[in-house]
């Protein structure tokens, strides 16, 4: 996909680039747990209170 975007000059075509960005963001699903980042666990091996 990256190669196709580069070959077609999409990065220089703002309307086309905006359309791709809109499509990507519409298809993202955000986990509801991320609404409160302080409730997320620290990764294994991280200092206490990370």
PDB file of N, CA and C in Angstrom:
ATOM      1  N   UNK A   1       0.828  -1.191   0.000  1.00  0.00           N
ATOM      2  CA  UNK A   1       0.000   0.000   0.000  1.00  0.00           C
ATOM      3  C   UNK A   1       0.872   1.255   0.000  1.00  0.00           C
ATOM      4  N   UNK A   2       1.944   1.234   0.798  1.00  0.00           N
ATOM      5  CA  UNK A   2       2.834   2.400   0.845  1.00  0.00           C
ATOM      6  C   UNK A   2       3.454   2.643  -0.522  1.00  0.00           C
ATOM      7  N   UNK A   3       3.867   1.589  -1.163  1.00  0.00           N
ATOM      8  CA  UNK A   3       4.477   1.724  -2.492  1.00  0.00           C
ATOM      9  C   UNK A   3       3.464   2.314  -3.478  1.00  0.00           C
ATOM     10  N   UNK A   4       2.218   1.867  -3.410  1.00  0.00           N
ATOM     11  CA  UNK A   4       1.176   2.372  -4.313  1.00  0.00           C
ATOM     12  C   UNK A   4       0.937   3.860  -4.052  1.00  0.00           C
ATOM     13  N   UNK A   5       0.882   4.254  -2.789  1.00  0.00           N
ATOM     14  CA  UNK A   5       0.681   5.661  -2.437  1.00  0.00           C
ATOM     15  C   UNK A   5       1.814   6.516  -2.996  1.00  0.00           C
ATOM     16  N   UNK A   6       3.043   6.020  -2.862  1.00  0.00           N
ATOM     17  CA  UNK A   6       4.191   6.764  -3.377  1.00  0.00           C
ATOM     18  C   UNK A   6       4.159   6.830  -4.902  1.00  0.00           C
ATOM     19  N   UNK A   7       3.901   5.700  -5.547  1.00  0.00           N
ATOM     20  CA  UNK A   7       3.900   5.648  -7.015  1.00  0.00           C
ATOM     21  C   UNK A   7       2.831   6.547  -7.632  1.00  0.00           C
ATOM     22  N   UNK A   8       1.680   6.654  -6.981  1.00  0.00           N
ATOM     23  CA  UNK A   8       0.585   7.448  -7.522  1.00  0.00           C
ATOM     24  C   UNK A   8       0.662   8.914  -7.121  1.00  0.00           C
ATOM     25  N   UNK A   9       1.674   9.289  -6.342  1.00  0.00           N
ATOM     26  CA  UNK A   9       1.832  10.683  -5.945  1.00  0.00           C
ATOM     27  C   UNK A   9       0.788  11.158  -4.943  1.00  0.00           C
ATOM     28  N   UNK A  10       0.222  10.236  -4.199  1.00  0.00           N
ATOM     29  CA  UNK A  10      -0.844  10.580  -3.254  1.00  0.00           C
ATOM     30  C   UNK A  10      -0.374  11.558  -2.181  1.00  0.00           C
ATOM     31  N   UNK A  11       0.879  11.462  -1.787  1.00  0.00           N
ATOM     32  CA  UNK A  11       1.384  12.349  -0.736  1.00  0.00           C
ATOM     33  C   UNK A  11       1.395  13.804  -1.169  1.00  0.00           C
ATOM     34  N   UNK A  12       1.393  14.044  -2.461  1.00  0.00           N
ATOM     35  CA  UNK A  12       1.363  15.410  -2.989  1.00  0.00           C
ATOM     36  C   UNK A  12      -0.045  15.855  -3.366  1.00  0.00           C
ATOM     37  N   UNK A  13      -1.019  14.985  -3.196  1.00  0.00           N
ATOM     38  CA  UNK A  13      -2.394  15.268  -3.561  1.00  0.00           C
ATOM     39  C   UNK A  13      -3.217  15.360  -2.268  1.00  0.00           C
ATOM     40  N   UNK A  14      -3.350  16.563  -1.732  1.00  0.00           N
ATOM     41  CA  UNK A  14      -3.991  16.727  -0.423  1.00  0.00           C
ATOM     42  C   UNK A  14      -5.419  16.198  -0.348  1.00  0.00           C
ATOM     43  N   UNK A  15      -6.283  16.436  -1.326  1.00  0.00           N
ATOM     44  CA  UNK A  15      -7.632  15.872  -1.228  1.00  0.00           C
ATOM     45  C   UNK A  15      -7.636  14.337  -1.146  1.00  0.00           C
ATOM     46  N   UNK A  16      -6.769  13.714  -1.932  1.00  0.00           N
ATOM     47  CA  UNK A  16      -6.680  12.255  -1.916  1.00  0.00           C
ATOM     48  C   UNK A  16      -6.123  11.770  -0.573  1.00  0.00           C
ATOM     49  N   UNK A  17      -5.099  12.448  -0.085  1.00  0.00           N
ATOM     50  CA  UNK A  17      -4.485  12.091   1.196  1.00  0.00           C
ATOM     51  C   UNK A  17      -5.482  12.257   2.331  1.00  0.00           C
ATOM     52  N   UNK A  18      -6.255  13.326   2.304  1.00  0.00           N
ATOM     53  CA  UNK A  18      -7.272  13.577   3.323  1.00  0.00           C
ATOM     54  C   UNK A  18      -8.333  12.477   3.297  1.00  0.00           C
ATOM     55  N   UNK A  19      -8.723  12.070   2.108  1.00  0.00           N
ATOM     56  CA  UNK A  19      -9.715  11.007   1.959  1.00  0.00           C
ATOM     57  C   UNK A  19      -9.219   9.699   2.578  1.00  0.00           C
ATOM     58  N   UNK A  20      -7.965   9.376   2.339  1.00  0.00           N
ATOM     59  CA  UNK A  20      -7.378   8.159   2.920  1.00  0.00           C
ATOM     60  C   UNK A  20      -7.347   8.275   4.439  1.00  0.00           C
ATOM     61  N   UNK A  21      -6.925   9.428   4.948  1.00  0.00           N
ATOM     62  CA  UNK A  21      -6.854   9.625   6.398  1.00  0.00           C
ATOM     63  C   UNK A  21      -8.235   9.509   7.032  1.00  0.00           C
ATOM     64  N   UNK A  22      -9.250  10.059   6.394  1.00  0.00           N
ATOM     65  CA  UNK A  22     -10.618   9.959   6.909  1.00  0.00           C
ATOM     66  C   UNK A  22     -11.094   8.511   6.948  1.00  0.00           C
ATOM     67  N   UNK A  23     -10.804   7.769   5.905  1.00  0.00           N
ATOM     68  CA  UNK A  23     -11.201   6.362   5.848  1.00  0.00           C
ATOM     69  C   UNK A  23     -10.531   5.567   6.956  1.00  0.00           C
ATOM     70  N   UNK A  24      -9.257   5.807   7.161  1.00  0.00           N
ATOM     71  CA  UNK A  24      -8.517   5.093   8.206  1.00  0.00           C
ATOM     72  C   UNK A  24      -9.093   5.419   9.582  1.00  0.00           C
ATOM     73  N   UNK A  25      -9.325   6.694   9.865  1.00  0.00           N
ATOM     74  CA  UNK A  25      -9.816   7.063  11.190  1.00  0.00           C
ATOM     75  C   UNK A  25     -11.238   6.566  11.431  1.00  0.00           C
ATOM     76  N   UNK A  26     -12.059   6.485  10.388  1.00  0.00           N
ATOM     77  CA  UNK A  26     -13.422   5.956  10.551  1.00  0.00           C
ATOM     78  C   UNK A  26     -13.402   4.474  10.893  1.00  0.00           C
ATOM     79  N   UNK A  27     -12.361   3.781  10.489  1.00  0.00           N
ATOM     80  CA  UNK A  27     -12.294   2.339  10.698  1.00  0.00           C
ATOM     81  C   UNK A  27     -11.486   1.939  11.926  1.00  0.00           C
ATOM     82  N   UNK A  28     -11.051   2.902  12.702  1.00  0.00           N
ATOM     83  CA  UNK A  28     -10.338   2.596  13.937  1.00  0.00           C
ATOM     84  C   UNK A  28     -11.327   2.307  15.053  1.00  0.00           C
ATOM     85  N   UNK A  29     -10.970   1.382  15.909  1.00  0.00           N
ATOM     86  CA  UNK A  29     -11.767   1.099  17.092  1.00  0.00           C
ATOM     87  C   UNK A  29     -10.874   1.329  18.298  1.00  0.00           C
ATOM     88  N   UNK A  30     -11.302   2.207  19.178  1.00  0.00           N
ATOM     89  CA  UNK A  30     -10.508   2.520  20.365  1.00  0.00           C
ATOM     90  C   UNK A  30     -11.085   1.761  21.547  1.00  0.00           C
ATOM     91  N   UNK A  31     -10.221   1.120  22.287  1.00  0.00           N
ATOM     92  CA  UNK A  31     -10.637   0.374  23.470  1.00  0.00           C
ATOM     93  C   UNK A  31     -11.112   1.344  24.543  1.00  0.00           C
ATOM     94  N   UNK A  32     -12.265   1.080  25.129  1.00  0.00           N
ATOM     95  CA  UNK A  32     -12.829   1.971  26.143  1.00  0.00           C
ATOM     96  C   UNK A  32     -11.943   2.088  27.378  1.00  0.00           C
ATOM     97  N   UNK A  33     -11.084   1.111  27.609  1.00  0.00           N
ATOM     98  CA  UNK A  33     -10.149   1.167  28.742  1.00  0.00           C
ATOM     99  C   UNK A  33      -9.164   2.332  28.588  1.00  0.00           C
ATOM    100  N   UNK A  34      -8.967   2.796  27.372  1.00  0.00           N
ATOM    101  CA  UNK A  34      -8.019   3.878  27.134  1.00  0.00           C
ATOM    102  C   UNK A  34      -8.570   5.244  27.519  1.00  0.00           C
ATOM    103  N   UNK A  35      -9.849   5.312  27.910  1.00  0.00           N
ATOM    104  CA  UNK A  35     -10.417   6.596  28.306  1.00  0.00           C
ATOM    105  C   UNK A  35      -9.880   7.056  29.650  1.00  0.00           C
ATOM    106  N   UNK A  36      -9.338   6.129  30.424  1.00  0.00           N
ATOM    107  CA  UNK A  36      -8.750   6.469  31.718  1.00  0.00           C
ATOM    108  C   UNK A  36      -7.345   5.880  31.789  1.00  0.00           C
ATOM    109  N   UNK A  37      -6.359   6.581  31.239  1.00  0.00           N
ATOM    110  CA  UNK A  37      -5.003   6.021  31.161  1.00  0.00           C
ATOM    111  C   UNK A  37      -4.389   5.715  32.522  1.00  0.00           C
ATOM    112  N   UNK A  38      -4.847   6.358  33.582  1.00  0.00           N
ATOM    113  CA  UNK A  38      -4.275   6.071  34.898  1.00  0.00           C
ATOM    114  C   UNK A  38      -4.672   4.694  35.398  1.00  0.00           C
ATOM    115  N   UNK A  39      -5.707   4.089  34.799  1.00  0.00           N
ATOM    116  CA  UNK A  39      -6.120   2.756  35.230  1.00  0.00           C
ATOM    117  C   UNK A  39      -5.367   1.646  34.500  1.00  0.00           C
ATOM    118  N   UNK A  40      -4.557   1.993  33.524  1.00  0.00           N
ATOM    119  CA  UNK A  40      -3.813   0.988  32.774  1.00  0.00           C
ATOM    120  C   UNK A  40      -2.678   0.431  33.625  1.00  0.00           C
ATOM    121  N   UNK A  41      -2.398  -0.835  33.461  1.00  0.00           N
ATOM    122  CA  UNK A  41      -1.314  -1.472  34.201  1.00  0.00           C
ATOM    123  C   UNK A  41       0.031  -1.078  33.599  1.00  0.00           C
ATOM    124  N   UNK A  42       1.051  -1.088  34.444  1.00  0.00           N
ATOM    125  CA  UNK A  42       2.406  -0.840  33.972  1.00  0.00           C
ATOM    126  C   UNK A  42       2.920  -2.096  33.288  1.00  0.00           C
ATOM    127  N   UNK A  43       3.756  -1.948  32.288  1.00  0.00           N
ATOM    128  CA  UNK A  43       4.327  -3.124  31.638  1.00  0.00           C
ATOM    129  C   UNK A  43       5.238  -3.891  32.606  1.00  0.00           C
ATOM    130  N   UNK A  44       5.366  -5.162  32.364  1.00  0.00           N
ATOM    131  CA  UNK A  44       6.226  -5.996  33.189  1.00  0.00           C
ATOM    132  C   UNK A  44       7.648  -5.450  33.186  1.00  0.00           C
ATOM    133  N   UNK A  45       8.264  -5.335  34.351  1.00  0.00           N
ATOM    134  CA  UNK A  45       9.635  -4.853  34.467  1.00  0.00           C
ATOM    135  C   UNK A  45       9.767  -3.347  34.589  1.00  0.00           C
ATOM    136  N   UNK A  46       8.641  -2.622  34.506  1.00  0.00           N
ATOM    137  CA  UNK A  46       8.686  -1.158  34.626  1.00  0.00           C
ATOM    138  C   UNK A  46       8.862  -0.781  36.084  1.00  0.00           C
ATOM    139  N   UNK A  47       9.488   0.361  36.358  1.00  0.00           N
ATOM    140  CA  UNK A  47       9.650   0.802  37.741  1.00  0.00           C
ATOM    141  C   UNK A  47       8.278   1.012  38.415  1.00  0.00           C
ATOM    142  N   UNK A  48       8.243   0.815  39.710  1.00  0.00           N
ATOM    143  CA  UNK A  48       6.978   0.956  40.432  1.00  0.00           C
ATOM    144  C   UNK A  48       6.438   2.379  40.273  1.00  0.00           C
ATOM    145  N   UNK A  49       5.150   2.496  40.060  1.00  0.00           N
ATOM    146  CA  UNK A  49       4.534   3.793  39.885  1.00  0.00           C
ATOM    147  C   UNK A  49       4.761   4.396  38.523  1.00  0.00           C
ATOM    148  N   UNK A  50       5.120   3.552  37.553  1.00  0.00           N
ATOM    149  CA  UNK A  50       5.439   4.046  36.211  1.00  0.00           C
ATOM    150  C   UNK A  50       4.378   4.988  35.758  1.00  0.00           C
TER     151      UNK A  50
END
